[in-house]
N, C-alpha and C. Protein backbone atom coordinates (compact mmCIF):
# COMPACT_ATOMS: atom_id res chain seq x y z
N MET A 1 58.91 -65.25 56.10
CA MET A 1 59.20 -63.95 56.59
C MET A 1 60.73 -63.71 56.36
N SER A 2 61.02 -62.54 55.82
CA SER A 2 62.46 -62.22 55.55
C SER A 2 63.18 -62.00 56.90
N PRO A 3 64.53 -62.10 56.80
CA PRO A 3 65.32 -61.87 58.05
C PRO A 3 65.08 -60.49 58.62
N PHE A 4 64.99 -59.47 57.80
CA PHE A 4 64.73 -58.12 58.30
C PHE A 4 63.37 -58.02 58.96
N GLU A 5 62.36 -58.56 58.35
CA GLU A 5 61.01 -58.52 58.92
C GLU A 5 60.96 -59.29 60.26
N ALA A 6 61.58 -60.42 60.33
CA ALA A 6 61.55 -61.23 61.54
C ALA A 6 62.21 -60.47 62.69
N VAL A 7 63.38 -59.91 62.45
CA VAL A 7 64.06 -59.19 63.51
C VAL A 7 63.31 -57.96 63.88
N ALA A 8 62.79 -57.20 62.91
CA ALA A 8 62.07 -56.00 63.22
C ALA A 8 60.83 -56.25 64.05
N ALA A 9 60.11 -57.30 63.72
CA ALA A 9 58.89 -57.64 64.50
C ALA A 9 59.25 -58.02 65.92
N ARG A 10 60.34 -58.78 66.11
CA ARG A 10 60.71 -59.21 67.47
C ARG A 10 61.23 -58.03 68.23
N LEU A 11 61.95 -57.14 67.53
CA LEU A 11 62.47 -55.89 68.18
C LEU A 11 61.37 -55.01 68.70
N GLN A 12 60.31 -54.90 67.91
CA GLN A 12 59.13 -54.17 68.37
C GLN A 12 58.46 -54.80 69.56
N ALA A 13 58.37 -56.14 69.55
CA ALA A 13 57.70 -56.87 70.62
C ALA A 13 58.47 -56.79 71.94
N LYS A 14 59.78 -56.73 71.87
CA LYS A 14 60.62 -56.84 73.06
C LYS A 14 61.04 -55.47 73.59
N THR A 15 60.74 -54.38 72.93
CA THR A 15 61.11 -53.04 73.39
C THR A 15 59.88 -52.16 73.38
N THR A 16 60.10 -50.88 73.75
CA THR A 16 59.03 -49.91 73.76
C THR A 16 58.88 -49.19 72.38
N LEU A 17 59.61 -49.67 71.40
CA LEU A 17 59.57 -49.04 70.08
C LEU A 17 58.26 -49.38 69.36
N THR A 18 57.78 -48.44 68.56
CA THR A 18 56.62 -48.68 67.72
C THR A 18 57.14 -49.46 66.48
N ARG A 19 56.24 -49.92 65.65
CA ARG A 19 56.67 -50.67 64.42
C ARG A 19 57.56 -49.76 63.56
N THR A 20 57.18 -48.55 63.36
CA THR A 20 58.00 -47.64 62.53
C THR A 20 59.36 -47.37 63.19
N GLN A 21 59.40 -47.19 64.46
CA GLN A 21 60.65 -46.91 65.15
C GLN A 21 61.58 -48.14 65.09
N ALA A 22 61.00 -49.32 65.30
CA ALA A 22 61.83 -50.54 65.28
C ALA A 22 62.41 -50.76 63.90
N ARG A 23 61.60 -50.63 62.88
CA ARG A 23 62.07 -50.80 61.53
C ARG A 23 63.11 -49.74 61.14
N GLY A 24 62.86 -48.55 61.55
CA GLY A 24 63.83 -47.42 61.23
C GLY A 24 65.11 -47.58 61.94
N THR A 25 65.08 -47.98 63.20
CA THR A 25 66.34 -48.21 63.96
C THR A 25 67.12 -49.36 63.34
N LEU A 26 66.40 -50.39 62.93
CA LEU A 26 67.08 -51.52 62.29
C LEU A 26 67.65 -51.12 60.94
N ARG A 27 66.88 -50.36 60.18
CA ARG A 27 67.39 -49.91 58.85
C ARG A 27 68.69 -49.05 59.02
N LEU A 28 68.69 -48.18 60.02
CA LEU A 28 69.87 -47.30 60.23
C LEU A 28 71.06 -48.20 60.65
N ALA A 29 70.84 -49.18 61.53
CA ALA A 29 71.93 -50.08 61.92
C ALA A 29 72.46 -50.85 60.70
N CYS A 30 71.55 -51.27 59.78
CA CYS A 30 71.97 -51.94 58.58
C CYS A 30 72.79 -51.03 57.70
N ARG A 31 72.30 -49.83 57.51
CA ARG A 31 72.98 -48.84 56.69
C ARG A 31 74.42 -48.57 57.19
N GLU A 32 74.55 -48.44 58.53
CA GLU A 32 75.86 -48.12 59.10
C GLU A 32 76.86 -49.21 58.83
N LEU A 33 76.39 -50.49 58.67
CA LEU A 33 77.24 -51.61 58.41
C LEU A 33 77.31 -51.99 56.92
N GLY A 34 76.61 -51.24 56.09
CA GLY A 34 76.63 -51.56 54.67
C GLY A 34 75.77 -52.72 54.28
N VAL A 35 74.79 -53.04 55.09
CA VAL A 35 73.91 -54.20 54.79
C VAL A 35 72.62 -53.67 54.17
N PRO A 36 72.25 -54.16 52.98
CA PRO A 36 71.00 -53.71 52.33
C PRO A 36 69.81 -54.30 53.08
N SER A 37 69.07 -53.53 53.77
CA SER A 37 67.96 -54.04 54.56
C SER A 37 66.85 -54.76 53.72
N ASP A 38 66.69 -54.35 52.48
CA ASP A 38 65.65 -54.93 51.68
C ASP A 38 66.08 -56.27 51.08
N ALA A 39 67.36 -56.59 51.15
CA ALA A 39 67.85 -57.85 50.61
C ALA A 39 68.82 -58.51 51.57
N ALA A 40 68.64 -58.32 52.84
CA ALA A 40 69.58 -58.82 53.84
C ALA A 40 69.34 -60.35 54.03
N SER A 41 70.46 -61.10 54.08
CA SER A 41 70.37 -62.54 54.36
C SER A 41 70.39 -62.75 55.83
N ARG A 42 70.26 -63.96 56.27
CA ARG A 42 70.35 -64.22 57.68
C ARG A 42 71.74 -63.91 58.23
N ALA A 43 72.77 -64.18 57.40
CA ALA A 43 74.13 -63.85 57.80
C ALA A 43 74.33 -62.33 57.92
N ASP A 44 73.75 -61.59 57.04
CA ASP A 44 73.80 -60.13 57.10
C ASP A 44 73.17 -59.60 58.39
N MET A 45 71.99 -60.15 58.69
CA MET A 45 71.29 -59.72 59.89
C MET A 45 72.02 -60.13 61.17
N GLN A 46 72.68 -61.28 61.12
CA GLN A 46 73.47 -61.73 62.25
C GLN A 46 74.58 -60.72 62.55
N LEU A 47 75.19 -60.18 61.48
CA LEU A 47 76.22 -59.18 61.62
C LEU A 47 75.60 -57.92 62.27
N VAL A 48 74.47 -57.51 61.85
CA VAL A 48 73.81 -56.35 62.39
C VAL A 48 73.51 -56.53 63.92
N LEU A 49 73.04 -57.73 64.23
CA LEU A 49 72.76 -58.02 65.65
C LEU A 49 74.01 -58.01 66.49
N ALA A 50 75.13 -58.53 65.93
CA ALA A 50 76.33 -58.62 66.70
C ALA A 50 77.08 -57.29 66.87
N ARG A 51 76.99 -56.44 65.83
CA ARG A 51 77.81 -55.24 65.82
C ARG A 51 77.09 -53.91 65.81
N GLY A 52 75.86 -53.88 65.26
CA GLY A 52 75.22 -52.62 65.03
C GLY A 52 74.00 -52.22 65.84
N LEU A 53 73.27 -53.22 66.26
CA LEU A 53 71.98 -52.91 66.89
C LEU A 53 72.12 -52.38 68.28
N GLU A 54 72.91 -52.98 69.15
CA GLU A 54 72.99 -52.51 70.53
C GLU A 54 73.51 -51.11 70.61
N PRO A 55 74.55 -50.67 69.85
CA PRO A 55 74.96 -49.25 69.91
C PRO A 55 73.83 -48.33 69.40
N ALA A 56 73.09 -48.78 68.41
CA ALA A 56 71.98 -47.96 67.86
C ALA A 56 70.91 -47.75 68.95
N LEU A 57 70.63 -48.78 69.69
CA LEU A 57 69.61 -48.68 70.75
C LEU A 57 70.11 -47.83 71.90
N LYS A 58 71.39 -47.89 72.25
CA LYS A 58 71.96 -47.07 73.30
C LYS A 58 71.94 -45.58 72.90
N VAL A 59 72.27 -45.29 71.68
CA VAL A 59 72.25 -43.90 71.19
C VAL A 59 70.85 -43.30 71.27
N ARG A 60 69.86 -44.13 71.03
CA ARG A 60 68.46 -43.65 71.05
C ARG A 60 67.81 -43.83 72.45
N ARG A 61 68.63 -44.25 73.44
CA ARG A 61 68.18 -44.42 74.81
C ARG A 61 66.97 -45.30 74.92
N VAL A 62 66.99 -46.41 74.22
CA VAL A 62 65.90 -47.39 74.23
C VAL A 62 66.15 -48.42 75.28
N ALA A 63 65.27 -48.61 76.25
CA ALA A 63 65.37 -49.64 77.23
C ALA A 63 65.06 -50.96 76.58
N TYR A 64 65.84 -51.97 76.88
CA TYR A 64 65.62 -53.27 76.32
C TYR A 64 66.05 -54.32 77.31
N PRO A 65 65.39 -55.50 77.25
CA PRO A 65 65.70 -56.55 78.25
C PRO A 65 67.07 -57.22 77.95
N ASP A 66 67.65 -57.86 78.93
CA ASP A 66 68.95 -58.47 78.79
C ASP A 66 68.92 -59.62 77.73
N ASP A 67 67.82 -60.23 77.56
CA ASP A 67 67.74 -61.34 76.62
C ASP A 67 67.30 -60.91 75.19
N LEU A 68 67.41 -59.61 74.92
CA LEU A 68 66.97 -59.12 73.62
C LEU A 68 67.74 -59.72 72.46
N LEU A 69 69.03 -59.74 72.53
CA LEU A 69 69.80 -60.28 71.39
C LEU A 69 69.54 -61.77 71.18
N HIS A 70 69.31 -62.47 72.29
CA HIS A 70 68.93 -63.88 72.19
C HIS A 70 67.59 -64.05 71.46
N ALA A 71 66.58 -63.26 71.92
CA ALA A 71 65.29 -63.32 71.34
C ALA A 71 65.30 -62.94 69.84
N LEU A 72 66.12 -61.93 69.47
CA LEU A 72 66.24 -61.58 68.08
C LEU A 72 66.92 -62.66 67.29
N GLY A 73 67.88 -63.33 67.87
CA GLY A 73 68.57 -64.49 67.21
C GLY A 73 67.59 -65.65 66.96
N VAL A 74 66.74 -65.91 67.90
CA VAL A 74 65.73 -66.96 67.73
C VAL A 74 64.78 -66.58 66.56
N ALA A 75 64.33 -65.35 66.56
CA ALA A 75 63.46 -64.85 65.42
C ALA A 75 64.19 -65.01 64.12
N LEU A 76 65.46 -64.67 64.07
CA LEU A 76 66.24 -64.72 62.85
C LEU A 76 66.40 -66.13 62.40
N ALA A 77 66.60 -67.07 63.29
CA ALA A 77 66.76 -68.47 62.95
C ALA A 77 65.48 -69.02 62.27
N GLY A 78 64.35 -68.49 62.60
CA GLY A 78 63.10 -68.93 62.00
C GLY A 78 62.71 -68.23 60.71
N ALA A 79 63.55 -67.31 60.25
CA ALA A 79 63.26 -66.52 59.02
C ALA A 79 63.77 -67.32 57.81
N THR A 80 63.20 -66.99 56.66
CA THR A 80 63.72 -67.53 55.38
C THR A 80 65.11 -66.92 55.18
N ASP A 81 65.85 -67.50 54.21
CA ASP A 81 67.23 -67.02 54.08
C ASP A 81 67.28 -65.62 53.51
N GLY A 82 66.32 -65.20 52.67
CA GLY A 82 66.33 -63.85 52.15
C GLY A 82 67.52 -63.59 51.24
N GLY A 83 68.11 -62.44 51.32
CA GLY A 83 69.26 -62.15 50.50
C GLY A 83 68.89 -61.84 49.08
N THR A 84 69.88 -61.64 48.22
CA THR A 84 69.64 -61.29 46.82
C THR A 84 68.93 -62.34 46.05
N ALA A 85 69.07 -63.62 46.49
CA ALA A 85 68.34 -64.69 45.80
C ALA A 85 66.83 -64.49 45.87
N ALA A 86 66.39 -63.94 47.00
CA ALA A 86 64.91 -63.69 47.16
C ALA A 86 64.50 -62.59 46.14
N LEU A 87 65.31 -61.61 45.90
CA LEU A 87 64.98 -60.56 44.94
C LEU A 87 64.93 -61.10 43.55
N HIS A 88 65.88 -61.95 43.19
CA HIS A 88 65.92 -62.50 41.80
C HIS A 88 64.76 -63.46 41.59
N GLY A 89 64.40 -64.21 42.62
CA GLY A 89 63.35 -65.18 42.43
C GLY A 89 61.97 -64.58 42.17
N MET A 90 61.77 -63.33 42.53
CA MET A 90 60.44 -62.77 42.32
C MET A 90 60.16 -62.50 40.83
N PHE A 91 61.20 -62.60 40.00
CA PHE A 91 61.02 -62.39 38.54
C PHE A 91 60.94 -63.68 37.76
N ASP A 92 60.98 -64.82 38.45
CA ASP A 92 60.97 -66.13 37.79
C ASP A 92 59.70 -66.39 37.01
N ASP A 93 58.59 -65.90 37.50
CA ASP A 93 57.29 -66.16 36.86
C ASP A 93 57.04 -65.37 35.61
N LEU A 94 57.92 -64.43 35.28
CA LEU A 94 57.70 -63.58 34.11
C LEU A 94 58.12 -64.19 32.76
N ASP A 95 58.78 -65.32 32.83
CA ASP A 95 59.27 -65.97 31.58
C ASP A 95 58.15 -66.49 30.69
């Protein structure tokens, strides 16, 4: 599971957001920090968790538990590294 997918799934599970809302909120937080959500590495998503997600949730008045960032960090730790290497790897079989 990619870092984006792992965090989005846990965000949906820990808040009142639907799947679409969780993914959209996360994509907007990524965009505001210049992180490409489709090729985000674990380090990129850690930046989003540290600086972008909490303000995005507050702006949207989303209630979330105190342990949300910890739970998202745990989900992120279990994700594959992702990043641009994952995008380049999908073309390896075409040779």
